[in-house]
């Protein structure tokens, strides 16, 4: 017996569409990260991008539990004195709900070149329509 090693040219990529309406943010992000990494495939290897494309629609209708809308902050710093900015989850959901899902998924991917390659396969849209109908995406149940 010899060990099977996946080659990047052998990876068959599929497209999945996820409706985020009424879904919990963290549970949705874990499933999306699992598909982006390719952990749902038997050919998964942690050093090769074996994942699939994921389209998220209705991202502005995602749900969070507890008091996270007021308690959770997204912080950034410009590097200059006084350059600290913070935004609550409620404000971020009103202005850029796609960034909320992208940040949650990015936190569950490896922070390497491979992770940056995997996050590029995530497409997030505010409404139910998307421009990827030609790829014939399959529905992904979360």
C-alpha atoms as a PDB file:
ATOM      1  CA  UNK A   1       0.000   0.000   0.000  1.00  0.00           C
ATOM      2  CA  UNK A   2       1.171   3.489  -0.752  1.00  0.00           C
ATOM      3  CA  UNK A   3      -0.138   6.775   0.547  1.00  0.00           C
ATOM      4  CA  UNK A   4      -2.253   8.796  -1.861  1.00  0.00           C
ATOM      5  CA  UNK A   5      -0.998  12.345  -2.367  1.00  0.00           C
ATOM      6  CA  UNK A   6      -3.317  14.875  -3.970  1.00  0.00           C
ATOM      7  CA  UNK A   7      -1.869  16.972  -6.768  1.00  0.00           C
ATOM      8  CA  UNK A   8      -3.193  20.498  -7.325  1.00  0.00           C
ATOM      9  CA  UNK A   9      -4.057  19.642 -10.944  1.00  0.00           C
ATOM     10  CA  UNK A  10      -6.372  16.811  -9.826  1.00  0.00           C
ATOM     11  CA  UNK A  11      -8.680  19.019  -7.754  1.00  0.00           C
ATOM     12  CA  UNK A  12     -12.231  19.293  -9.115  1.00  0.00           C
ATOM     13  CA  UNK A  13     -13.797  22.533  -7.883  1.00  0.00           C
ATOM     14  CA  UNK A  14     -17.537  22.894  -7.452  1.00  0.00           C
ATOM     15  CA  UNK A  15     -19.732  25.893  -6.680  1.00  0.00           C
ATOM     16  CA  UNK A  16     -22.090  26.045  -3.702  1.00  0.00           C
ATOM     17  CA  UNK A  17     -24.656  28.683  -2.791  1.00  0.00           C
ATOM     18  CA  UNK A  18     -25.679  29.391   0.819  1.00  0.00           C
ATOM     19  CA  UNK A  19     -28.712  31.415   1.860  1.00  0.00           C
ATOM     20  CA  UNK A  20     -27.697  33.251   5.050  1.00  0.00           C
ATOM     21  CA  UNK A  21     -31.213  34.372   5.926  1.00  0.00           C
ATOM     22  CA  UNK A  22     -31.983  33.395   9.525  1.00  0.00           C
ATOM     23  CA  UNK A  23     -28.682  31.529   9.988  1.00  0.00           C
ATOM     24  CA  UNK A  24     -26.428  32.075  13.009  1.00  0.00           C
ATOM     25  CA  UNK A  25     -23.204  33.850  12.058  1.00  0.00           C
ATOM     26  CA  UNK A  26     -20.709  31.504  13.733  1.00  0.00           C
ATOM     27  CA  UNK A  27     -22.344  28.270  12.598  1.00  0.00           C
ATOM     28  CA  UNK A  28     -22.616  29.614   9.067  1.00  0.00           C
ATOM     29  CA  UNK A  29     -18.949  30.666   9.066  1.00  0.00           C
ATOM     30  CA  UNK A  30     -17.694  27.254  10.228  1.00  0.00           C
ATOM     31  CA  UNK A  31     -19.524  25.441   7.429  1.00  0.00           C
ATOM     32  CA  UNK A  32     -18.294  27.929   4.825  1.00  0.00           C
ATOM     33  CA  UNK A  33     -14.701  27.615   6.078  1.00  0.00           C
ATOM     34  CA  UNK A  34     -14.960  23.817   5.961  1.00  0.00           C
ATOM     35  CA  UNK A  35     -16.030  23.882   2.295  1.00  0.00           C
ATOM     36  CA  UNK A  36     -13.463  26.549   1.344  1.00  0.00           C
ATOM     37  CA  UNK A  37     -10.660  24.446   2.841  1.00  0.00           C
ATOM     38  CA  UNK A  38     -11.938  21.245   1.213  1.00  0.00           C
ATOM     39  CA  UNK A  39     -12.351  19.278   4.447  1.00  0.00           C
ATOM     40  CA  UNK A  40     -15.588  17.785   3.132  1.00  0.00           C
ATOM     41  CA  UNK A  41     -13.663  15.906   0.408  1.00  0.00           C
ATOM     42  CA  UNK A  42     -11.818  12.617   0.834  1.00  0.00           C
ATOM     43  CA  UNK A  43      -8.800  14.071  -1.017  1.00  0.00           C
ATOM     44  CA  UNK A  44      -8.254  16.827   1.603  1.00  0.00           C
ATOM     45  CA  UNK A  45      -4.682  17.715   2.409  1.00  0.00           C
ATOM     46  CA  UNK A  46      -3.826  20.612   4.703  1.00  0.00           C
ATOM     47  CA  UNK A  47      -1.052  21.960   2.458  1.00  0.00           C
ATOM     48  CA  UNK A  48      -3.043  22.024  -0.811  1.00  0.00           C
ATOM     49  CA  UNK A  49      -6.094  24.093  -1.683  1.00  0.00           C
ATOM     50  CA  UNK A  50      -8.688  21.386  -2.367  1.00  0.00           C
ATOM     51  CA  UNK A  51     -11.705  23.545  -1.506  1.00  0.00           C
ATOM     52  CA  UNK A  52     -14.694  24.693  -3.500  1.00  0.00           C
ATOM     53  CA  UNK A  53     -16.245  28.065  -4.301  1.00  0.00           C
ATOM     54  CA  UNK A  54     -18.961  29.349  -1.959  1.00  0.00           C
ATOM     55  CA  UNK A  55     -21.547  32.016  -2.786  1.00  0.00           C
ATOM     56  CA  UNK A  56     -23.350  33.601   0.177  1.00  0.00           C
ATOM     57  CA  UNK A  57     -26.614  35.435  -0.544  1.00  0.00           C
ATOM     58  CA  UNK A  58     -28.812  37.510   1.806  1.00  0.00           C
ATOM     59  CA  UNK A  59     -25.812  38.316   3.984  1.00  0.00           C
ATOM     60  CA  UNK A  60     -27.610  41.249   5.606  1.00  0.00           C
ATOM     61  CA  UNK A  61     -30.176  38.877   7.158  1.00  0.00           C
ATOM     62  CA  UNK A  62     -27.695  36.842   9.218  1.00  0.00           C
ATOM     63  CA  UNK A  63     -28.508  36.446  12.932  1.00  0.00           C
ATOM     64  CA  UNK A  64     -26.305  36.725  16.011  1.00  0.00           C
ATOM     65  CA  UNK A  65     -27.266  35.573  19.487  1.00  0.00           C
ATOM     66  CA  UNK A  66     -27.044  37.364  22.804  1.00  0.00           C
ATOM     67  CA  UNK A  67     -25.935  40.984  23.098  1.00  0.00           C
ATOM     68  CA  UNK A  68     -23.290  40.751  20.380  1.00  0.00           C
ATOM     69  CA  UNK A  69     -24.887  43.519  18.301  1.00  0.00           C
ATOM     70  CA  UNK A  70     -23.834  46.064  20.946  1.00  0.00           C
ATOM     71  CA  UNK A  71     -20.955  44.248  22.687  1.00  0.00           C
ATOM     72  CA  UNK A  72     -18.874  43.042  19.708  1.00  0.00           C
ATOM     73  CA  UNK A  73     -16.469  45.547  18.171  1.00  0.00           C
ATOM     74  CA  UNK A  74     -14.410  45.552  14.994  1.00  0.00           C
ATOM     75  CA  UNK A  75     -11.226  47.527  15.646  1.00  0.00           C
ATOM     76  CA  UNK A  76      -8.480  48.785  13.381  1.00  0.00           C
ATOM     77  CA  UNK A  77      -5.516  51.125  13.694  1.00  0.00           C
ATOM     78  CA  UNK A  78      -3.946  53.242  10.979  1.00  0.00           C
ATOM     79  CA  UNK A  79      -0.535  53.210  12.626  1.00  0.00           C
ATOM     80  CA  UNK A  80      -0.618  56.928  13.377  1.00  0.00           C
ATOM     81  CA  UNK A  81      -1.199  58.488  16.809  1.00  0.00           C
ATOM     82  CA  UNK A  82      -4.932  58.723  17.422  1.00  0.00           C
ATOM     83  CA  UNK A  83      -5.598  56.385  14.489  1.00  0.00           C
ATOM     84  CA  UNK A  84      -7.636  53.808  16.444  1.00  0.00           C
ATOM     85  CA  UNK A  85     -11.127  53.246  15.046  1.00  0.00           C
ATOM     86  CA  UNK A  86     -13.775  50.855  16.317  1.00  0.00           C
ATOM     87  CA  UNK A  87     -17.208  49.961  14.989  1.00  0.00           C
ATOM     88  CA  UNK A  88     -19.917  47.902  16.678  1.00  0.00           C
ATOM     89  CA  UNK A  89     -21.390  44.854  14.999  1.00  0.00           C
ATOM     90  CA  UNK A  90     -24.721  46.670  14.538  1.00  0.00           C
ATOM     91  CA  UNK A  91     -23.059  49.547  12.649  1.00  0.00           C
ATOM     92  CA  UNK A  92     -21.000  47.128  10.549  1.00  0.00           C
ATOM     93  CA  UNK A  93     -24.120  45.102   9.663  1.00  0.00           C
ATOM     94  CA  UNK A  94     -25.897  48.258   8.484  1.00  0.00           C
ATOM     95  CA  UNK A  95     -23.007  49.533   6.379  1.00  0.00           C
ATOM     96  CA  UNK A  96     -21.071  46.435   5.223  1.00  0.00           C
ATOM     97  CA  UNK A  97     -22.750  43.124   6.136  1.00  0.00           C
ATOM     98  CA  UNK A  98     -20.493  41.277   3.693  1.00  0.00           C
ATOM     99  CA  UNK A  99     -17.422  42.207   5.741  1.00  0.00           C
ATOM    100  CA  UNK A 100     -18.966  40.668   8.868  1.00  0.00           C
ATOM    101  CA  UNK A 101     -19.239  37.251   7.231  1.00  0.00           C
ATOM    102  CA  UNK A 102     -15.850  37.584   5.552  1.00  0.00           C
ATOM    103  CA  UNK A 103     -14.155  38.434   8.874  1.00  0.00           C
ATOM    104  CA  UNK A 104     -15.851  35.498  10.614  1.00  0.00           C
ATOM    105  CA  UNK A 105     -14.770  33.056   7.888  1.00  0.00           C
ATOM    106  CA  UNK A 106     -11.243  34.510   7.695  1.00  0.00           C
ATOM    107  CA  UNK A 107     -10.803  33.871  11.411  1.00  0.00           C
ATOM    108  CA  UNK A 108     -11.400  30.162  10.764  1.00  0.00           C
ATOM    109  CA  UNK A 109      -8.950  29.808   7.866  1.00  0.00           C
ATOM    110  CA  UNK A 110      -5.156  29.541   8.123  1.00  0.00           C
ATOM    111  CA  UNK A 111      -3.495  32.962   8.104  1.00  0.00           C
ATOM    112  CA  UNK A 112      -0.991  32.022   5.413  1.00  0.00           C
ATOM    113  CA  UNK A 113      -0.701  32.251   1.635  1.00  0.00           C
ATOM    114  CA  UNK A 114      -2.936  29.197   1.440  1.00  0.00           C
ATOM    115  CA  UNK A 115      -5.618  30.891   3.543  1.00  0.00           C
ATOM    116  CA  UNK A 116      -5.510  34.002   1.350  1.00  0.00           C
ATOM    117  CA  UNK A 117      -5.953  31.781  -1.687  1.00  0.00           C
ATOM    118  CA  UNK A 118      -8.935  30.041  -0.063  1.00  0.00           C
ATOM    119  CA  UNK A 119     -10.725  33.232   1.030  1.00  0.00           C
ATOM    120  CA  UNK A 120     -10.688  34.451  -2.591  1.00  0.00           C
ATOM    121  CA  UNK A 121     -13.136  31.643  -3.420  1.00  0.00           C
ATOM    122  CA  UNK A 122     -15.758  33.204  -1.134  1.00  0.00           C
ATOM    123  CA  UNK A 123     -18.313  35.433  -2.892  1.00  0.00           C
ATOM    124  CA  UNK A 124     -20.728  37.389  -0.671  1.00  0.00           C
ATOM    125  CA  UNK A 125     -23.827  39.281  -1.830  1.00  0.00           C
ATOM    126  CA  UNK A 126     -26.365  41.372   0.049  1.00  0.00           C
ATOM    127  CA  UNK A 127     -29.412  40.278  -1.965  1.00  0.00           C
ATOM    128  CA  UNK A 128     -30.704  36.931  -3.200  1.00  0.00           C
ATOM    129  CA  UNK A 129     -29.395  37.385  -6.757  1.00  0.00           C
ATOM    130  CA  UNK A 130     -25.794  36.789  -7.802  1.00  0.00           C
ATOM    131  CA  UNK A 131     -23.862  36.855 -11.111  1.00  0.00           C
ATOM    132  CA  UNK A 132     -22.645  33.241 -10.859  1.00  0.00           C
ATOM    133  CA  UNK A 133     -25.662  31.424 -12.322  1.00  0.00           C
ATOM    134  CA  UNK A 134     -23.546  30.130 -15.234  1.00  0.00           C
ATOM    135  CA  UNK A 135     -21.498  27.997 -12.789  1.00  0.00           C
ATOM    136  CA  UNK A 136     -24.698  26.154 -11.723  1.00  0.00           C
ATOM    137  CA  UNK A 137     -24.071  26.311  -7.960  1.00  0.00           C
ATOM    138  CA  UNK A 138     -25.497  23.589  -5.740  1.00  0.00           C
ATOM    139  CA  UNK A 139     -27.347  24.555  -2.569  1.00  0.00           C
ATOM    140  CA  UNK A 140     -25.351  23.992   0.607  1.00  0.00           C
ATOM    141  CA  UNK A 141     -27.380  23.249   3.712  1.00  0.00           C
ATOM    142  CA  UNK A 142     -25.992  24.723   6.921  1.00  0.00           C
END
